[in-house]
């Protein structure tokens, strides 16, 4: 037991000696201390006008709008096909036509288009 107490005392002495030595060494101030903040240079203001425009070019914007228009048209066609399929399951004859269809809009009659709000 005496040996354990002696080892603890020696270890504690070594830790205290190390800490006291570190306390007298020169050190940098902490990041949030006034000394550290005083040493920092003043940040230069950055103007948003100092760099050129980084937006899309005219050609890139035109391509983007073209892709968007194609996607929108494709979504409309898909939506109309789904509506026609849903109405067909209910037994309703929906006047669905498309380019290259084997039958025209006149095959449905004018009243079918007026019923569903579709313009021929």
PDB file of N, CA and C in Angstrom:
ATOM      1  N   UNK A   1       0.820  -1.191   0.000  1.00  0.00           N
ATOM      2  CA  UNK A   1       0.000   0.000   0.000  1.00  0.00           C
ATOM      3  C   UNK A   1       0.863   1.253   0.000  1.00  0.00           C
ATOM      4  N   UNK A   2       2.006   1.153   0.742  1.00  0.00           N
ATOM      5  CA  UNK A   2       2.894   2.313   0.769  1.00  0.00           C
ATOM      6  C   UNK A   2       3.481   2.576  -0.604  1.00  0.00           C
ATOM      7  N   UNK A   3       3.766   1.521  -1.324  1.00  0.00           N
ATOM      8  CA  UNK A   3       4.329   1.693  -2.668  1.00  0.00           C
ATOM      9  C   UNK A   3       3.339   2.400  -3.596  1.00  0.00           C
ATOM     10  N   UNK A   4       2.083   2.036  -3.487  1.00  0.00           N
ATOM     11  CA  UNK A   4       1.043   2.651  -4.304  1.00  0.00           C
ATOM     12  C   UNK A   4       0.920   4.142  -3.993  1.00  0.00           C
ATOM     13  N   UNK A   5       0.949   4.492  -2.733  1.00  0.00           N
ATOM     14  CA  UNK A   5       0.854   5.903  -2.336  1.00  0.00           C
ATOM     15  C   UNK A   5       2.078   6.668  -2.826  1.00  0.00           C
ATOM     16  N   UNK A   6       3.245   6.051  -2.752  1.00  0.00           N
ATOM     17  CA  UNK A   6       4.477   6.705  -3.200  1.00  0.00           C
ATOM     18  C   UNK A   6       4.431   6.927  -4.714  1.00  0.00           C
ATOM     19  N   UNK A   7       3.971   5.928  -5.468  1.00  0.00           N
ATOM     20  CA  UNK A   7       3.875   6.082  -6.921  1.00  0.00           C
ATOM     21  C   UNK A   7       2.870   7.172  -7.295  1.00  0.00           C
ATOM     22  N   UNK A   8       1.749   7.250  -6.594  1.00  0.00           N
ATOM     23  CA  UNK A   8       0.752   8.283  -6.861  1.00  0.00           C
ATOM     24  C   UNK A   8       1.324   9.661  -6.575  1.00  0.00           C
ATOM     25  N   UNK A   9       2.083   9.801  -5.505  1.00  0.00           N
ATOM     26  CA  UNK A   9       2.688  11.090  -5.158  1.00  0.00           C
ATOM     27  C   UNK A   9       3.713  11.497  -6.206  1.00  0.00           C
ATOM     28  N   UNK A  10       4.512  10.548  -6.674  1.00  0.00           N
ATOM     29  CA  UNK A  10       5.510  10.853  -7.696  1.00  0.00           C
ATOM     30  C   UNK A  10       4.813  11.250  -9.009  1.00  0.00           C
ATOM     31  N   UNK A  11       3.768  10.527  -9.377  1.00  0.00           N
ATOM     32  CA  UNK A  11       3.034  10.845 -10.602  1.00  0.00           C
ATOM     33  C   UNK A  11       2.390  12.213 -10.529  1.00  0.00           C
ATOM     34  N   UNK A  12       1.797  12.526  -9.375  1.00  0.00           N
ATOM     35  CA  UNK A  12       1.174  13.832  -9.194  1.00  0.00           C
ATOM     36  C   UNK A  12       2.220  14.934  -9.252  1.00  0.00           C
ATOM     37  N   UNK A  13       3.389  14.691  -8.690  1.00  0.00           N
ATOM     38  CA  UNK A  13       4.473  15.679  -8.749  1.00  0.00           C
ATOM     39  C   UNK A  13       4.926  15.906 -10.178  1.00  0.00           C
ATOM     40  N   UNK A  14       5.004  14.825 -10.954  1.00  0.00           N
ATOM     41  CA  UNK A  14       5.432  14.958 -12.349  1.00  0.00           C
ATOM     42  C   UNK A  14       4.405  15.753 -13.165  1.00  0.00           C
ATOM     43  N   UNK A  15       3.148  15.493 -12.908  1.00  0.00           N
ATOM     44  CA  UNK A  15       2.099  16.237 -13.624  1.00  0.00           C
ATOM     45  C   UNK A  15       2.151  17.709 -13.249  1.00  0.00           C
ATOM     46  N   UNK A  16       2.302  18.012 -11.973  1.00  0.00           N
ATOM     47  CA  UNK A  16       2.360  19.418 -11.547  1.00  0.00           C
ATOM     48  C   UNK A  16       3.596  20.111 -12.092  1.00  0.00           C
ATOM     49  N   UNK A  17       4.710  19.408 -12.161  1.00  0.00           N
ATOM     50  CA  UNK A  17       5.938  20.003 -12.707  1.00  0.00           C
ATOM     51  C   UNK A  17       5.750  20.308 -14.195  1.00  0.00           C
ATOM     52  N   UNK A  18       5.125  19.398 -14.911  1.00  0.00           N
ATOM     53  CA  UNK A  18       4.888  19.609 -16.349  1.00  0.00           C
ATOM     54  C   UNK A  18       3.956  20.795 -16.573  1.00  0.00           C
ATOM     55  N   UNK A  19       2.888  20.862 -15.779  1.00  0.00           N
ATOM     56  CA  UNK A  19       1.948  21.968 -15.929  1.00  0.00           C
ATOM     57  C   UNK A  19       2.578  23.306 -15.589  1.00  0.00           C
ATOM     58  N   UNK A  20       3.396  23.352 -14.562  1.00  0.00           N
ATOM     59  CA  UNK A  20       4.033  24.619 -14.188  1.00  0.00           C
ATOM     60  C   UNK A  20       5.040  25.033 -15.246  1.00  0.00           C
ATOM     61  N   UNK A  21       5.708  24.063 -15.886  1.00  0.00           N
ATOM     62  CA  UNK A  21       6.651  24.390 -16.950  1.00  0.00           C
ATOM     63  C   UNK A  21       5.908  24.945 -18.162  1.00  0.00           C
ATOM     64  N   UNK A  22       4.775  24.329 -18.493  1.00  0.00           N
ATOM     65  CA  UNK A  22       3.991  24.792 -19.639  1.00  0.00           C
ATOM     66  C   UNK A  22       3.403  26.179 -19.404  1.00  0.00           C
ATOM     67  N   UNK A  23       3.121  26.501 -18.154  1.00  0.00           N
ATOM     68  CA  UNK A  23       2.521  27.801 -17.848  1.00  0.00           C
ATOM     69  C   UNK A  23       3.490  28.936 -18.122  1.00  0.00           C
ATOM     70  N   UNK A  24       4.797  28.680 -18.041  1.00  0.00           N
ATOM     71  CA  UNK A  24       5.781  29.743 -18.236  1.00  0.00           C
ATOM     72  C   UNK A  24       6.336  29.797 -19.651  1.00  0.00           C
ATOM     73  N   UNK A  25       5.943  28.863 -20.500  1.00  0.00           N
ATOM     74  CA  UNK A  25       6.405  28.883 -21.885  1.00  0.00           C
ATOM     75  C   UNK A  25       5.595  29.914 -22.668  1.00  0.00           C
ATOM     76  N   UNK A  26       6.204  30.524 -23.690  1.00  0.00           N
ATOM     77  CA  UNK A  26       5.438  31.466 -24.507  1.00  0.00           C
ATOM     78  C   UNK A  26       4.376  30.695 -25.309  1.00  0.00           C
ATOM     79  N   UNK A  27       3.227  31.311 -25.461  1.00  0.00           N
ATOM     80  CA  UNK A  27       2.129  30.647 -26.160  1.00  0.00           C
ATOM     81  C   UNK A  27       1.348  31.663 -26.987  1.00  0.00           C
ATOM     82  N   UNK A  28       0.635  31.140 -27.946  1.00  0.00           N
ATOM     83  CA  UNK A  28      -0.243  31.978 -28.749  1.00  0.00           C
ATOM     84  C   UNK A  28      -1.521  32.232 -27.984  1.00  0.00           C
ATOM     85  N   UNK A  29      -2.125  33.383 -28.167  1.00  0.00           N
ATOM     86  CA  UNK A  29      -3.401  33.624 -27.488  1.00  0.00           C
ATOM     87  C   UNK A  29      -4.502  32.743 -28.090  1.00  0.00           C
ATOM     88  N   UNK A  30      -5.541  32.489 -27.314  1.00  0.00           N
ATOM     89  CA  UNK A  30      -6.660  31.678 -27.787  1.00  0.00           C
ATOM     90  C   UNK A  30      -7.430  32.374 -28.903  1.00  0.00           C
ATOM     91  N   UNK A  31      -8.191  31.596 -29.660  1.00  0.00           N
ATOM     92  CA  UNK A  31      -8.894  32.142 -30.828  1.00  0.00           C
ATOM     93  C   UNK A  31      -9.930  33.195 -30.468  1.00  0.00           C
ATOM     94  N   UNK A  32     -10.476  33.117 -29.282  1.00  0.00           N
ATOM     95  CA  UNK A  32     -11.540  34.048 -28.903  1.00  0.00           C
ATOM     96  C   UNK A  32     -11.061  35.128 -27.939  1.00  0.00           C
ATOM     97  N   UNK A  33      -9.768  35.197 -27.732  1.00  0.00           N
ATOM     98  CA  UNK A  33      -9.255  36.222 -26.822  1.00  0.00           C
ATOM     99  C   UNK A  33      -9.101  37.552 -27.569  1.00  0.00           C
ATOM    100  N   UNK A  34      -9.036  38.622 -26.814  1.00  0.00           N
ATOM    101  CA  UNK A  34      -8.904  39.953 -27.410  1.00  0.00           C
ATOM    102  C   UNK A  34      -7.556  40.096 -28.107  1.00  0.00           C
ATOM    103  N   UNK A  35      -6.524  39.457 -27.565  1.00  0.00           N
ATOM    104  CA  UNK A  35      -5.195  39.544 -28.183  1.00  0.00           C
ATOM    105  C   UNK A  35      -5.209  38.930 -29.584  1.00  0.00           C
ATOM    106  N   UNK A  36      -5.816  37.778 -29.704  1.00  0.00           N
ATOM    107  CA  UNK A  36      -5.849  37.090 -30.992  1.00  0.00           C
ATOM    108  C   UNK A  36      -6.665  37.890 -32.010  1.00  0.00           C
ATOM    109  N   UNK A  37      -7.813  38.407 -31.586  1.00  0.00           N
ATOM    110  CA  UNK A  37      -8.650  39.172 -32.495  1.00  0.00           C
ATOM    111  C   UNK A  37      -7.999  40.487 -32.898  1.00  0.00           C
ATOM    112  N   UNK A  38      -7.169  41.049 -32.045  1.00  0.00           N
ATOM    113  CA  UNK A  38      -6.484  42.297 -32.381  1.00  0.00           C
ATOM    114  C   UNK A  38      -5.413  42.056 -33.439  1.00  0.00           C
ATOM    115  N   UNK A  39      -4.850  40.841 -33.463  1.00  0.00           N
ATOM    116  CA  UNK A  39      -3.793  40.537 -34.434  1.00  0.00           C
ATOM    117  C   UNK A  39      -4.340  40.284 -35.837  1.00  0.00           C
ATOM    118  N   UNK A  40      -5.617  39.952 -35.959  1.00  0.00           N
ATOM    119  CA  UNK A  40      -6.183  39.638 -37.266  1.00  0.00           C
ATOM    120  C   UNK A  40      -6.277  40.886 -38.135  1.00  0.00           C
ATOM    121  N   UNK A  41      -5.953  40.748 -39.431  1.00  0.00           N
ATOM    122  CA  UNK A  41      -6.124  41.898 -40.321  1.00  0.00           C
ATOM    123  C   UNK A  41      -7.612  42.109 -40.614  1.00  0.00           C
ATOM    124  N   UNK A  42      -7.952  43.321 -40.942  1.00  0.00           N
ATOM    125  CA  UNK A  42      -9.339  43.660 -41.268  1.00  0.00           C
ATOM    126  C   UNK A  42      -9.694  43.014 -42.612  1.00  0.00           C
ATOM    127  N   UNK A  43     -10.790  42.252 -42.700  1.00  0.00           N
ATOM    128  CA  UNK A  43     -11.121  41.612 -43.983  1.00  0.00           C
ATOM    129  C   UNK A  43     -11.519  42.651 -45.027  1.00  0.00           C
ATOM    130  N   UNK A  44     -11.036  42.421 -46.231  1.00  0.00           N
ATOM    131  CA  UNK A  44     -11.342  43.340 -47.328  1.00  0.00           C
ATOM    132  C   UNK A  44     -12.774  43.088 -47.794  1.00  0.00           C
ATOM    133  N   UNK A  45     -13.565  44.136 -47.972  1.00  0.00           N
ATOM    134  CA  UNK A  45     -14.942  43.935 -48.452  1.00  0.00           C
ATOM    135  C   UNK A  45     -14.931  43.422 -49.893  1.00  0.00           C
ATOM    136  N   UNK A  46     -15.791  42.468 -50.159  1.00  0.00           N
ATOM    137  CA  UNK A  46     -15.867  41.872 -51.488  1.00  0.00           C
ATOM    138  C   UNK A  46     -17.115  42.417 -52.181  1.00  0.00           C
ATOM    139  N   UNK A  47     -16.912  43.030 -53.310  1.00  0.00           N
ATOM    140  CA  UNK A  47     -18.019  43.591 -54.073  1.00  0.00           C
ATOM    141  C   UNK A  47     -18.595  42.516 -54.991  1.00  0.00           C
ATOM    142  N   UNK A  48     -19.910  42.393 -55.079  1.00  0.00           N
ATOM    143  CA  UNK A  48     -20.466  41.401 -56.006  1.00  0.00           C
ATOM    144  C   UNK A  48     -20.225  41.768 -57.465  1.00  0.00           C
ATOM    145  N   UNK A  49     -19.848  43.016 -57.728  1.00  0.00           N
ATOM    146  CA  UNK A  49     -19.613  43.455 -59.096  1.00  0.00           C
ATOM    147  C   UNK A  49     -18.169  43.261 -59.520  1.00  0.00           C
ATOM    148  N   UNK A  50     -17.316  42.743 -58.624  1.00  0.00           N
ATOM    149  CA  UNK A  50     -15.903  42.605 -58.955  1.00  0.00           C
ATOM    150  C   UNK A  50     -15.624  41.413 -59.854  1.00  0.00           C
ATOM    151  N   UNK A  51     -16.558  40.471 -59.967  1.00  0.00           N
ATOM    152  CA  UNK A  51     -16.342  39.318 -60.849  1.00  0.00           C
ATOM    153  C   UNK A  51     -17.378  39.347 -61.965  1.00  0.00           C
ATOM    154  N   UNK A  52     -17.081  38.710 -63.073  1.00  0.00           N
ATOM    155  CA  UNK A  52     -18.017  38.755 -64.206  1.00  0.00           C
ATOM    156  C   UNK A  52     -19.260  37.920 -63.938  1.00  0.00           C
ATOM    157  N   UNK A  53     -20.258  38.123 -64.767  1.00  0.00           N
ATOM    158  CA  UNK A  53     -21.523  37.394 -64.664  1.00  0.00           C
ATOM    159  C   UNK A  53     -21.262  35.913 -64.890  1.00  0.00           C
ATOM    160  N   UNK A  54     -21.783  35.080 -63.999  1.00  0.00           N
ATOM    161  CA  UNK A  54     -21.525  33.642 -64.097  1.00  0.00           C
ATOM    162  C   UNK A  54     -22.776  32.870 -64.489  1.00  0.00           C
ATOM    163  N   UNK A  55     -23.783  33.558 -64.971  1.00  0.00           N
ATOM    164  CA  UNK A  55     -25.022  32.892 -65.364  1.00  0.00           C
ATOM    165  C   UNK A  55     -24.873  32.180 -66.701  1.00  0.00           C
ATOM    166  N   UNK A  56     -25.931  31.518 -67.136  1.00  0.00           N
ATOM    167  CA  UNK A  56     -25.857  30.801 -68.404  1.00  0.00           C
ATOM    168  C   UNK A  56     -25.790  31.762 -69.589  1.00  0.00           C
ATOM    169  N   UNK A  57     -25.185  31.275 -70.660  1.00  0.00           N
ATOM    170  CA  UNK A  57     -25.124  32.076 -71.882  1.00  0.00           C
ATOM    171  C   UNK A  57     -26.480  32.015 -72.584  1.00  0.00           C
ATOM    172  N   UNK A  58     -26.615  32.783 -73.642  1.00  0.00           N
ATOM    173  CA  UNK A  58     -27.875  32.818 -74.381  1.00  0.00           C
ATOM    174  C   UNK A  58     -28.198  31.435 -74.957  1.00  0.00           C
ATOM    175  N   UNK A  59     -27.165  30.759 -75.493  1.00  0.00           N
ATOM    176  CA  UNK A  59     -27.373  29.438 -76.080  1.00  0.00           C
ATOM    177  C   UNK A  59     -27.756  28.408 -75.008  1.00  0.00           C
ATOM    178  N   UNK A  60     -27.096  28.475 -73.856  1.00  0.00           N
ATOM    179  CA  UNK A  60     -27.423  27.544 -72.776  1.00  0.00           C
ATOM    180  C   UNK A  60     -28.843  27.760 -72.272  1.00  0.00           C
ATOM    181  N   UNK A  61     -29.252  29.026 -72.147  1.00  0.00           N
ATOM    182  CA  UNK A  61     -30.613  29.328 -71.698  1.00  0.00           C
ATOM    183  C   UNK A  61     -31.642  28.849 -72.721  1.00  0.00           C
ATOM    184  N   UNK A  62     -31.356  29.043 -74.006  1.00  0.00           N
ATOM    185  CA  UNK A  62     -32.282  28.583 -75.045  1.00  0.00           C
ATOM    186  C   UNK A  62     -32.418  27.064 -75.012  1.00  0.00           C
ATOM    187  N   UNK A  63     -31.300  26.363 -74.822  1.00  0.00           N
ATOM    188  CA  UNK A  63     -31.339  24.896 -74.749  1.00  0.00           C
ATOM    189  C   UNK A  63     -32.127  24.444 -73.527  1.00  0.00           C
ATOM    190  N   UNK A  64     -31.953  25.152 -72.424  1.00  0.00           N
ATOM    191  CA  UNK A  64     -32.679  24.811 -71.192  1.00  0.00           C
ATOM    192  C   UNK A  64     -34.186  24.974 -71.399  1.00  0.00           C
ATOM    193  N   UNK A  65     -34.602  26.089 -71.988  1.00  0.00           N
ATOM    194  CA  UNK A  65     -36.030  26.316 -72.214  1.00  0.00           C
ATOM    195  C   UNK A  65     -36.606  25.325 -73.230  1.00  0.00           C
ATOM    196  N   UNK A  66     -35.795  24.940 -74.220  1.00  0.00           N
ATOM    197  CA  UNK A  66     -36.252  23.964 -75.202  1.00  0.00           C
ATOM    198  C   UNK A  66     -36.493  22.606 -74.542  1.00  0.00           C
ATOM    199  N   UNK A  67     -35.538  22.180 -73.689  1.00  0.00           N
ATOM    200  CA  UNK A  67     -35.708  20.905 -72.968  1.00  0.00           C
ATOM    201  C   UNK A  67     -36.922  20.955 -72.052  1.00  0.00           C
ATOM    202  N   UNK A  68     -37.116  22.096 -71.408  1.00  0.00           N
ATOM    203  CA  UNK A  68     -38.259  22.254 -70.510  1.00  0.00           C
ATOM    204  C   UNK A  68     -39.574  22.186 -71.279  1.00  0.00           C
ATOM    205  N   UNK A  69     -39.630  22.796 -72.466  1.00  0.00           N
ATOM    206  CA  UNK A  69     -40.839  22.760 -73.275  1.00  0.00           C
ATOM    207  C   UNK A  69     -41.134  21.337 -73.750  1.00  0.00           C
ATOM    208  N   UNK A  70     -40.095  20.598 -74.154  1.00  0.00           N
ATOM    209  CA  UNK A  70     -40.291  19.214 -74.585  1.00  0.00           C
ATOM    210  C   UNK A  70     -40.791  18.346 -73.442  1.00  0.00           C
ATOM    211  N   UNK A  71     -40.216  18.557 -72.252  1.00  0.00           N
ATOM    212  CA  UNK A  71     -40.637  17.778 -71.082  1.00  0.00           C
ATOM    213  C   UNK A  71     -42.076  18.087 -70.729  1.00  0.00           C
ATOM    214  N   UNK A  72     -42.464  19.363 -70.794  1.00  0.00           N
ATOM    215  CA  UNK A  72     -43.833  19.753 -70.475  1.00  0.00           C
ATOM    216  C   UNK A  72     -44.817  19.136 -71.456  1.00  0.00           C
ATOM    217  N   UNK A  73     -44.474  19.156 -72.760  1.00  0.00           N
ATOM    218  CA  UNK A  73     -45.338  18.556 -73.763  1.00  0.00           C
ATOM    219  C   UNK A  73     -45.465  17.055 -73.529  1.00  0.00           C
ATOM    220  N   UNK A  74     -44.349  16.413 -73.217  1.00  0.00           N
ATOM    221  CA  UNK A  74     -44.377  14.975 -72.956  1.00  0.00           C
ATOM    222  C   UNK A  74     -45.236  14.664 -71.725  1.00  0.00           C
ATOM    223  N   UNK A  75     -45.168  15.501 -70.700  1.00  0.00           N
ATOM    224  CA  UNK A  75     -45.993  15.278 -69.509  1.00  0.00           C
ATOM    225  C   UNK A  75     -47.473  15.445 -69.827  1.00  0.00           C
ATOM    226  N   UNK A  76     -47.810  16.417 -70.689  1.00  0.00           N
ATOM    227  CA  UNK A  76     -49.210  16.593 -71.082  1.00  0.00           C
ATOM    228  C   UNK A  76     -49.736  15.381 -71.829  1.00  0.00           C
ATOM    229  N   UNK A  77     -48.916  14.850 -72.733  1.00  0.00           N
ATOM    230  CA  UNK A  77     -49.325  13.668 -73.496  1.00  0.00           C
ATOM    231  C   UNK A  77     -49.520  12.486 -72.549  1.00  0.00           C
ATOM    232  N   UNK A  78     -48.593  12.305 -71.624  1.00  0.00           N
ATOM    233  CA  UNK A  78     -48.700  11.211 -70.658  1.00  0.00           C
ATOM    234  C   UNK A  78     -49.950  11.372 -69.802  1.00  0.00           C
ATOM    235  N   UNK A  79     -50.207  12.587 -69.353  1.00  0.00           N
ATOM    236  CA  UNK A  79     -51.388  12.839 -68.532  1.00  0.00           C
ATOM    237  C   UNK A  79     -52.672  12.544 -69.305  1.00  0.00           C
ATOM    238  N   UNK A  80     -52.696  12.937 -70.590  1.00  0.00           N
ATOM    239  CA  UNK A  80     -53.889  12.682 -71.391  1.00  0.00           C
ATOM    240  C   UNK A  80     -54.081  11.189 -71.632  1.00  0.00           C
ATOM    241  N   UNK A  81     -52.990  10.465 -71.859  1.00  0.00           N
ATOM    242  CA  UNK A  81     -53.100   9.013 -72.058  1.00  0.00           C
ATOM    243  C   UNK A  81     -53.615   8.333 -70.788  1.00  0.00           C
ATOM    244  N   UNK A  82     -53.113   8.761 -69.639  1.00  0.00           N
ATOM    245  CA  UNK A  82     -53.582   8.169 -68.381  1.00  0.00           C
ATOM    246  C   UNK A  82     -55.058   8.473 -68.148  1.00  0.00           C
ATOM    247  N   UNK A  83     -55.456   9.708 -68.473  1.00  0.00           N
ATOM    248  CA  UNK A  83     -56.866  10.073 -68.321  1.00  0.00           C
ATOM    249  C   UNK A  83     -57.738   9.222 -69.236  1.00  0.00           C
ATOM    250  N   UNK A  84     -57.266   9.008 -70.474  1.00  0.00           N
ATOM    251  CA  UNK A  84     -58.024   8.187 -71.417  1.00  0.00           C
ATOM    252  C   UNK A  84     -58.113   6.747 -70.924  1.00  0.00           C
ATOM    253  N   UNK A  85     -57.020   6.226 -70.361  1.00  0.00           N
ATOM    254  CA  UNK A  85     -57.030   4.854 -69.854  1.00  0.00           C
ATOM    255  C   UNK A  85     -57.956   4.726 -68.651  1.00  0.00           C
ATOM    256  N   UNK A  86     -57.939   5.714 -67.766  1.00  0.00           N
ATOM    257  CA  UNK A  86     -58.810   5.666 -66.584  1.00  0.00           C
ATOM    258  C   UNK A  86     -60.271   5.727 -66.984  1.00  0.00           C
ATOM    259  N   UNK A  87     -60.596   6.594 -67.940  1.00  0.00           N
ATOM    260  CA  UNK A  87     -61.978   6.684 -68.393  1.00  0.00           C
ATOM    261  C   UNK A  87     -62.402   5.429 -69.159  1.00  0.00           C
ATOM    262  N   UNK A  88     -61.453   4.803 -69.874  1.00  0.00           N
ATOM    263  CA  UNK A  88     -61.781   3.574 -70.597  1.00  0.00           C
ATOM    264  C   UNK A  88     -62.133   2.452 -69.618  1.00  0.00           C
ATOM    265  N   UNK A  89     -61.481   2.428 -68.442  1.00  0.00           N
ATOM    266  CA  UNK A  89     -61.836   1.400 -67.446  1.00  0.00           C
ATOM    267  C   UNK A  89     -63.239   1.629 -66.897  1.00  0.00           C
ATOM    268  N   UNK A  90     -63.705   2.874 -66.958  1.00  0.00           N
ATOM    269  CA  UNK A  90     -65.069   3.174 -66.509  1.00  0.00           C
ATOM    270  C   UNK A  90     -66.084   2.999 -67.636  1.00  0.00           C
ATOM    271  N   UNK A  91     -65.598   2.727 -68.842  1.00  0.00           N
ATOM    272  CA  UNK A  91     -66.490   2.531 -69.975  1.00  0.00           C
ATOM    273  C   UNK A  91     -66.843   3.813 -70.694  1.00  0.00           C
ATOM    274  N   UNK A  92     -66.108   4.891 -70.424  1.00  0.00           N
ATOM    275  CA  UNK A  92     -66.385   6.177 -71.072  1.00  0.00           C
ATOM    276  C   UNK A  92     -65.474   6.298 -72.283  1.00  0.00           C
ATOM    277  N   UNK A  93     -66.043   6.704 -73.402  1.00  0.00           N
ATOM    278  CA  UNK A  93     -65.284   6.865 -74.627  1.00  0.00           C
ATOM    279  C   UNK A  93     -64.657   8.265 -74.627  1.00  0.00           C
ATOM    280  N   UNK A  94     -63.397   8.369 -74.276  1.00  0.00           N
ATOM    281  CA  UNK A  94     -62.685   9.656 -74.219  1.00  0.00           C
ATOM    282  C   UNK A  94     -62.091   9.951 -75.589  1.00  0.00           C
ATOM    283  N   UNK A  95     -62.269  11.160 -76.092  1.00  0.00           N
ATOM    284  CA  UNK A  95     -61.777  11.489 -77.436  1.00  0.00           C
ATOM    285  C   UNK A  95     -60.275  11.739 -77.443  1.00  0.00           C
ATOM    286  N   UNK A  96     -59.484  10.681 -77.302  1.00  0.00           N
ATOM    287  CA  UNK A  96     -58.029  10.806 -77.272  1.00  0.00           C
ATOM    288  C   UNK A  96     -57.469  10.608 -78.673  1.00  0.00           C
ATOM    289  N   UNK A  97     -56.787  11.604 -79.175  1.00  0.00           N
ATOM    290  CA  UNK A  97     -56.153  11.488 -80.485  1.00  0.00           C
ATOM    291  C   UNK A  97     -54.707  11.932 -80.361  1.00  0.00           C
ATOM    292  N   UNK A  98     -53.918  11.526 -81.305  1.00  0.00           N
ATOM    293  CA  UNK A  98     -52.515  11.894 -81.336  1.00  0.00           C
ATOM    294  C   UNK A  98     -52.085  11.967 -82.784  1.00  0.00           C
ATOM    295  N   UNK A  99     -50.927  12.532 -83.038  1.00  0.00           N
ATOM    296  CA  UNK A  99     -50.446  12.645 -84.417  1.00  0.00           C
ATOM    297  C   UNK A  99     -50.115  11.276 -84.951  1.00  0.00           C
ATOM    298  N   UNK A 100     -50.578  10.990 -86.141  1.00  0.00           N
ATOM    299  CA  UNK A 100     -50.338   9.689 -86.742  1.00  0.00           C
ATOM    300  C   UNK A 100     -51.350   8.642 -86.300  1.00  0.00           C
ATOM    301  N   UNK A 101     -52.424   9.066 -85.638  1.00  0.00           N
ATOM    302  CA  UNK A 101     -53.441   8.120 -85.186  1.00  0.00           C
ATOM    303  C   UNK A 101     -54.188   7.556 -86.388  1.00  0.00           C
ATOM    304  N   UNK A 102     -54.617   6.282 -86.317  1.00  0.00           N
ATOM    305  CA  UNK A 102     -55.333   5.697 -87.449  1.00  0.00           C
ATOM    306  C   UNK A 102     -56.739   6.268 -87.618  1.00  0.00           C
ATOM    307  N   UNK A 103     -57.219   7.015 -86.650  1.00  0.00           N
ATOM    308  CA  UNK A 103     -58.532   7.628 -86.741  1.00  0.00           C
ATOM    309  C   UNK A 103     -58.414   9.067 -86.276  1.00  0.00           C
ATOM    310  N   UNK A 104     -59.236   9.927 -86.792  1.00  0.00           N
ATOM    311  CA  UNK A 104     -59.167  11.350 -86.473  1.00  0.00           C
ATOM    312  C   UNK A 104     -60.115  11.726 -85.363  1.00  0.00           C
ATOM    313  N   UNK A 105     -60.111  13.006 -85.034  1.00  0.00           N
ATOM    314  CA  UNK A 105     -60.979  13.512 -83.973  1.00  0.00           C
ATOM    315  C   UNK A 105     -62.440  13.447 -84.386  1.00  0.00           C
ATOM    316  N   UNK A 106     -62.704  13.472 -85.700  1.00  0.00           N
ATOM    317  CA  UNK A 106     -64.089  13.429 -86.167  1.00  0.00           C
ATOM    318  C   UNK A 106     -64.745  12.066 -85.938  1.00  0.00           C
ATOM    319  N   UNK A 107     -63.948  11.044 -85.653  1.00  0.00           N
ATOM    320  CA  UNK A 107     -64.497   9.715 -85.393  1.00  0.00           C
ATOM    321  C   UNK A 107     -65.275   9.689 -84.077  1.00  0.00           C
ATOM    322  N   UNK A 108     -64.973  10.627 -83.179  1.00  0.00           N
ATOM    323  CA  UNK A 108     -65.652  10.657 -81.884  1.00  0.00           C
ATOM    324  C   UNK A 108     -66.933  11.476 -81.918  1.00  0.00           C
ATOM    325  N   UNK A 109     -67.018  12.380 -82.826  1.00  0.00           N
ATOM    326  CA  UNK A 109     -68.168  13.274 -82.866  1.00  0.00           C
ATOM    327  C   UNK A 109     -67.869  14.533 -82.076  1.00  0.00           C
ATOM    328  N   UNK A 110     -68.537  15.622 -82.410  1.00  0.00           N
ATOM    329  CA  UNK A 110     -68.262  16.923 -81.778  1.00  0.00           C
ATOM    330  C   UNK A 110     -68.715  16.952 -80.330  1.00  0.00           C
ATOM    331  N   UNK A 111     -69.762  16.212 -79.968  1.00  0.00           N
ATOM    332  CA  UNK A 111     -70.264  16.274 -78.604  1.00  0.00           C
ATOM    333  C   UNK A 111     -69.305  15.644 -77.596  1.00  0.00           C
ATOM    334  N   UNK A 112     -68.494  14.695 -78.025  1.00  0.00           N
ATOM    335  CA  UNK A 112     -67.554  14.058 -77.100  1.00  0.00           C
ATOM    336  C   UNK A 112     -66.493  15.059 -76.646  1.00  0.00           C
ATOM    337  N   UNK A 113     -66.013  15.901 -77.581  1.00  0.00           N
ATOM    338  CA  UNK A 113     -65.011  16.886 -77.215  1.00  0.00           C
ATOM    339  C   UNK A 113     -65.599  17.945 -76.292  1.00  0.00           C
ATOM    340  N   UNK A 114     -66.799  18.354 -76.546  1.00  0.00           N
ATOM    341  CA  UNK A 114     -67.429  19.386 -75.726  1.00  0.00           C
ATOM    342  C   UNK A 114     -67.679  18.862 -74.312  1.00  0.00           C
ATOM    343  N   UNK A 115     -67.973  17.561 -74.201  1.00  0.00           N
ATOM    344  CA  UNK A 115     -68.250  16.976 -72.884  1.00  0.00           C
ATOM    345  C   UNK A 115     -67.028  17.027 -71.989  1.00  0.00           C
ATOM    346  N   UNK A 116     -65.853  16.741 -72.550  1.00  0.00           N
ATOM    347  CA  UNK A 116     -64.628  16.663 -71.725  1.00  0.00           C
ATOM    348  C   UNK A 116     -63.786  17.918 -71.798  1.00  0.00           C
ATOM    349  N   UNK A 117     -64.246  18.958 -72.444  1.00  0.00           N
ATOM    350  CA  UNK A 117     -63.518  20.231 -72.459  1.00  0.00           C
ATOM    351  C   UNK A 117     -62.281  20.202 -73.336  1.00  0.00           C
ATOM    352  N   UNK A 118     -62.287  19.378 -74.390  1.00  0.00           N
ATOM    353  CA  UNK A 118     -61.149  19.270 -75.277  1.00  0.00           C
ATOM    354  C   UNK A 118     -61.479  19.986 -76.577  1.00  0.00           C
ATOM    355  N   UNK A 119     -60.533  20.779 -77.062  1.00  0.00           N
ATOM    356  CA  UNK A 119     -60.773  21.464 -78.332  1.00  0.00           C
ATOM    357  C   UNK A 119     -60.125  20.655 -79.441  1.00  0.00           C
ATOM    358  N   UNK A 120     -60.872  20.417 -80.510  1.00  0.00           N
ATOM    359  CA  UNK A 120     -60.370  19.562 -81.586  1.00  0.00           C
ATOM    360  C   UNK A 120     -59.430  20.301 -82.487  1.00  0.00           C
TER     361      UNK A 120
END
